[in-house]
Protein backbone atom coordinates (compact mmCIF):
# COMPACT_ATOMS: atom_id res chain seq x y z
CA UNK A 1 18.57 24.68 29.40
CA UNK A 2 19.11 24.10 26.15
CA UNK A 3 16.87 24.38 22.59
CA UNK A 4 18.18 21.47 19.76
CA UNK A 5 16.48 21.10 16.16
CA UNK A 6 16.15 18.27 14.08
CA UNK A 7 14.06 17.03 11.36
CA UNK A 8 12.77 13.18 11.92
CA UNK A 9 9.91 10.86 11.30
CA UNK A 10 7.34 10.36 14.29
CA UNK A 11 7.54 6.63 14.63
CA UNK A 12 4.33 5.99 17.97
CA UNK A 13 2.98 8.40 20.42
CA UNK A 14 1.65 7.48 23.94
CA UNK A 15 -1.02 9.38 26.04
CA UNK A 16 0.19 11.32 29.11
CA UNK A 17 -1.73 12.80 31.43
CA UNK A 18 -5.25 14.31 30.26
CA UNK A 19 -3.96 16.52 27.02
CA UNK A 20 -0.46 15.82 26.05
CA UNK A 21 1.88 12.59 24.31
CA UNK A 22 5.16 11.32 24.48
CA UNK A 23 6.58 11.53 20.76
CA UNK A 24 8.79 8.57 18.82
CA UNK A 25 10.68 10.47 16.40
CA UNK A 26 13.44 8.81 14.73
CA UNK A 27 16.06 12.29 13.80
CA UNK A 28 18.43 12.58 12.07
CA UNK A 29 21.03 14.09 14.06
CA UNK A 30 20.13 12.98 17.12
CA UNK A 31 19.21 9.34 16.06
CA UNK A 32 16.04 7.66 17.97
CA UNK A 33 13.88 10.45 20.25
CA UNK A 34 11.02 10.27 22.41
CA UNK A 35 9.86 14.24 23.88
CA UNK A 36 6.53 15.18 25.08
CA UNK A 37 4.89 17.55 23.49
CA UNK A 38 2.15 19.39 25.66
CA UNK A 39 -1.34 19.20 25.02
CA UNK A 40 -1.17 18.86 22.10
CA UNK A 41 -4.99 15.87 22.35
CA UNK A 42 -7.27 19.15 23.21
CA UNK A 43 -8.99 19.83 19.93
CA UNK A 44 -7.90 23.44 19.27
CA UNK A 45 -4.12 22.31 18.95
CA UNK A 46 -2.77 22.56 14.92
CA UNK A 47 -0.12 21.29 16.77
CA UNK A 48 -0.74 17.57 17.68
CA UNK A 49 -2.24 17.23 14.56
CA UNK A 50 1.78 17.54 13.36
CA UNK A 51 2.56 14.61 14.99
CA UNK A 52 1.19 11.61 14.49
CA UNK A 53 2.91 8.15 13.37
CA UNK A 54 4.42 8.97 9.68
CA UNK A 55 5.04 12.79 9.73
CA UNK A 56 8.38 14.08 8.98
CA UNK A 57 8.47 17.26 10.58
CA UNK A 58 11.14 19.71 11.71
CA UNK A 59 11.17 20.22 15.37
CA UNK A 60 12.42 22.28 18.34
CA UNK A 61 13.11 20.30 21.14
CA UNK A 62 13.62 22.39 25.40
CA UNK A 63 15.88 20.20 27.56
CA UNK A 64 17.81 21.29 30.66
CA UNK A 65 21.03 21.40 30.81
CA UNK A 66 24.07 18.81 29.93
CA UNK A 67 21.24 16.11 28.95
CA UNK A 68 19.39 15.78 25.98
CA UNK A 69 18.82 12.68 24.23
CA UNK A 70 18.62 9.83 26.42
CA UNK A 71 18.49 10.65 30.67
CA UNK A 72 15.73 12.93 30.53
CA UNK A 73 12.10 13.69 27.83
CA UNK A 74 12.99 16.98 26.19
CA UNK A 75 9.68 19.11 25.71
CA UNK A 76 9.00 19.19 21.79
CA UNK A 77 8.11 23.60 21.97
CA UNK A 78 8.30 23.36 17.66
CA UNK A 79 6.64 21.92 15.38
CA UNK A 80 6.54 22.05 11.46
CA UNK A 81 5.68 19.50 8.32
CA UNK A 82 8.17 18.20 5.96
CA UNK A 83 6.06 15.63 4.23
CA UNK A 84 2.20 14.20 5.88
CA UNK A 85 2.91 10.95 4.21
CA UNK A 86 -0.40 9.61 6.17
CA UNK A 87 -2.19 10.93 3.88
CA UNK A 88 -1.36 8.32 1.61
CA UNK A 89 -0.71 5.83 3.65
CA UNK A 90 -3.51 5.53 6.47
CA UNK A 91 -7.00 5.81 3.57
CA UNK A 92 -5.78 2.32 2.15
CA UNK A 93 -5.19 -0.78 4.68
CA UNK A 94 -1.95 -2.72 2.79
CA UNK A 95 0.04 0.55 2.70
CA UNK A 96 -1.03 1.05 6.68
CA UNK A 97 -0.03 -2.41 7.39
CA UNK A 98 3.23 -2.16 5.82
CA UNK A 99 3.67 1.67 7.20
CA UNK A 100 2.83 0.52 11.26
CA UNK A 101 5.73 -2.64 10.23
CA UNK A 102 8.29 0.21 8.70
CA UNK A 103 7.63 2.52 12.08
CA UNK A 104 8.34 -0.79 14.68
CA UNK A 105 11.63 -1.60 12.62
CA UNK A 106 12.83 1.62 12.61
CA UNK A 107 12.43 1.91 15.69
CA UNK A 108 13.57 -1.62 17.26
CA UNK A 109 16.86 -1.37 14.52
CA UNK A 110 16.99 1.84 17.39
CA UNK A 111 17.22 1.17 20.71
CA UNK A 112 19.27 3.06 21.52
CA UNK A 113 18.97 6.63 22.11
CA UNK A 114 20.84 10.10 21.34
CA UNK A 115 23.02 7.65 19.01
CA UNK A 116 22.93 8.97 15.58
CA UNK A 117 21.53 6.32 12.76
CA UNK A 118 21.88 8.36 9.98
CA UNK A 119 21.80 5.45 7.12
CA UNK A 120 18.26 3.72 9.15
CA UNK A 121 16.54 7.76 9.19
CA UNK A 122 17.01 7.95 4.96
CA UNK A 123 15.57 5.07 4.57
CA UNK A 124 12.88 4.82 6.27
CA UNK A 125 12.13 8.43 5.09
CA UNK A 126 12.90 6.54 1.46
CA UNK A 127 10.57 3.94 2.23
CA UNK A 128 7.41 5.74 3.34
CA UNK A 129 7.71 8.35 0.38
CA UNK A 130 7.11 5.27 -1.59
CA UNK A 131 4.53 4.09 -0.17
CA UNK A 132 2.69 7.16 0.53
CA UNK A 133 3.00 7.68 -3.83
CA UNK A 134 1.94 3.47 -4.58
CA UNK A 135 5.06 2.99 -6.55
CA UNK A 136 5.03 -0.01 -6.03
CA UNK A 137 2.64 -3.34 -4.20
CA UNK A 138 3.01 -2.08 -0.04
CA UNK A 139 3.88 -5.36 0.59
CA UNK A 140 6.98 -5.27 -2.04
CA UNK A 141 8.03 -1.94 -0.77
CA UNK A 142 8.24 -3.62 2.93
CA UNK A 143 9.94 -6.20 1.79
CA UNK A 144 12.65 -3.86 -0.09
CA UNK A 145 12.45 -1.58 3.49
CA UNK A 146 13.58 -4.88 5.48
CA UNK A 147 15.96 -6.10 3.61
CA UNK A 148 18.34 -2.81 3.55
CA UNK A 149 17.77 -2.47 6.94
CA UNK A 150 18.45 -5.61 8.20
CA UNK A 151 21.52 -4.58 5.84
CA UNK A 152 22.19 -1.32 7.27
CA UNK A 153 22.51 -2.60 10.28
CA UNK A 154 25.47 -4.88 9.59
CA UNK A 155 23.11 -7.90 8.55
CA UNK A 156 22.75 -8.41 4.69
CA UNK A 157 21.57 -11.95 3.84
CA UNK A 158 23.50 -13.27 0.16
CA UNK A 159 21.30 -14.66 -2.41
CA UNK A 160 24.52 -15.56 -4.77
CA UNK A 161 27.32 -16.68 -3.28
CA UNK A 162 27.66 -18.68 -0.46
CA UNK A 163 27.70 -16.98 3.05
CA UNK A 164 29.82 -19.98 4.72
CA UNK A 165 33.04 -20.28 2.43
CA UNK A 166 32.15 -17.35 -0.46
CA UNK A 167 32.04 -20.16 -3.13
CA UNK A 168 30.27 -18.46 -6.06
CA UNK A 169 26.74 -19.64 -6.75
CA UNK A 170 24.09 -19.87 -7.56
CA UNK A 171 23.45 -21.82 -4.34
CA UNK A 172 20.21 -23.81 -3.29
CA UNK A 173 20.51 -24.23 0.03
CA UNK A 174 19.31 -20.82 2.64
CA UNK A 175 20.23 -20.77 5.65
CA UNK A 176 19.23 -17.74 8.45
CA UNK A 177 21.33 -18.91 10.78
CA UNK A 178 24.37 -18.94 8.13
CA UNK A 179 23.06 -15.60 7.12
CA UNK A 180 21.61 -16.03 3.97
CA UNK A 181 22.64 -19.33 0.42
CA UNK A 182 24.74 -22.06 0.99
CA UNK A 183 25.91 -24.26 -0.69
CA UNK A 184 25.97 -27.88 -0.59
CA UNK A 185 28.90 -28.77 1.54
CA UNK A 186 28.37 -25.80 4.13
CA UNK A 187 23.86 -27.03 4.12
CA UNK A 188 23.09 -27.28 8.61
CA UNK A 189 20.24 -28.55 10.13
CA UNK A 190 17.07 -25.93 9.14
CA UNK A 191 18.23 -25.33 6.02
CA UNK A 192 15.58 -24.49 3.12
CA UNK A 193 15.73 -25.01 -0.66
CA UNK A 194 13.04 -21.85 -1.84
CA UNK A 195 12.14 -21.75 -5.83
CA UNK A 196 15.42 -19.75 -7.92
CA UNK A 197 12.46 -17.28 -8.26
CA UNK A 198 12.04 -16.03 -4.56
CA UNK A 199 15.75 -15.15 -4.01
CA UNK A 200 16.58 -13.48 -7.37
CA UNK A 201 12.88 -11.19 -5.99
CA UNK A 202 15.28 -10.59 -2.72
CA UNK A 203 18.24 -10.39 -4.30
CA UNK A 204 16.48 -7.58 -7.19
CA UNK A 205 14.38 -5.83 -3.70
CA UNK A 206 18.32 -5.89 -2.05
CA UNK A 207 19.56 -4.20 -4.87
CA UNK A 208 16.60 -2.22 -5.93
CA UNK A 209 15.56 -3.83 -8.97
CA UNK A 210 12.21 -3.41 -9.57
CA UNK A 211 11.41 -4.19 -12.75
CA UNK A 212 12.31 -7.71 -11.58
CA UNK A 213 10.48 -7.33 -8.64
CA UNK A 214 6.97 -5.90 -9.65
CA UNK A 215 7.56 -8.57 -12.34
CA UNK A 216 7.29 -11.14 -9.81
CA UNK A 217 4.75 -14.12 -10.02
CA UNK A 218 2.35 -13.95 -6.38
CA UNK A 219 2.96 -17.47 -5.25
CA UNK A 220 7.34 -16.06 -5.00
CA UNK A 221 6.20 -12.66 -3.38
CA UNK A 222 4.50 -15.11 -0.23
CA UNK A 223 7.81 -16.78 -0.05
CA UNK A 224 10.79 -14.63 -0.49
CA UNK A 225 8.58 -12.43 1.91
CA UNK A 226 8.45 -16.02 4.05
CA UNK A 227 11.97 -16.14 3.97
CA UNK A 228 12.45 -12.09 4.82
CA UNK A 229 10.26 -12.33 8.51
CA UNK A 230 12.35 -15.85 9.23
CA UNK A 231 15.55 -14.06 9.20
CA UNK A 232 14.22 -10.49 10.49
CA UNK A 233 12.62 -12.68 13.25
CA UNK A 234 16.43 -13.87 13.46
CA UNK A 235 17.97 -11.13 13.92
CA UNK A 236 15.80 -8.84 16.08
CA UNK A 237 15.46 -12.43 18.15
CA UNK A 238 11.90 -11.92 18.17
CA UNK A 239 9.62 -10.51 15.37
CA UNK A 240 7.19 -7.57 14.93
CA UNK A 241 4.30 -7.30 16.50
CA UNK A 242 3.16 -5.15 13.59
CA UNK A 243 3.85 -7.99 10.78
CA UNK A 244 1.73 -9.93 11.59
CA UNK A 245 -1.28 -7.98 10.07
CA UNK A 246 0.73 -6.89 6.40
CA UNK A 247 -1.43 -8.60 3.46
CA UNK A 248 0.86 -10.97 1.34
CA UNK A 249 0.04 -10.82 -2.48
């Protein structure tokens, strides 16, 4: 019998029996973890209110033997709130839909339970914090999160140098299959010619240049979001269900 603690973000919950739930979390030390929280659906349970999507929590788990994560479902025996990001997200439709897409993305990029994904975890914590505070437009925060999630998982797109031959940019064409912008000599079928402003926006979101991103015109934001969505779809091999509900400016 083993006890272990970790802090994590609640990604989603599923009903189990009459009063229990299966909680999926992205944790700092153990990556994605699914665990059973008993009795949390009872009306008098204070424990259950802490284990809702968007919550940043410190959780104690109980598991049998050495199979802590991945083969069986440990139990959530204690939970303390670190930050209730949901309170600043669920009351606003744009924030809620963007946040839901962020949670789904984090889960998709951590598909092996028990494998640490510290960069993805820290990225999600920072993204939800920024979203809950309303520091920038929700769709911009989401696109920044998607681009950085792709980058920390080894799929960083190029927005300056040619993704195929490396020739210094700016380059006109963009190909999701090639890995970003490409030059005329490397142009492949299916390439598009986005506006320089849209490419500049995506570069700003990836590098954290929020002054540039916040000043971008809505039409270029929509264009950039389309490129992000296509690029993410290519690397995940299927789209995000929640992305279709996200509001674009």
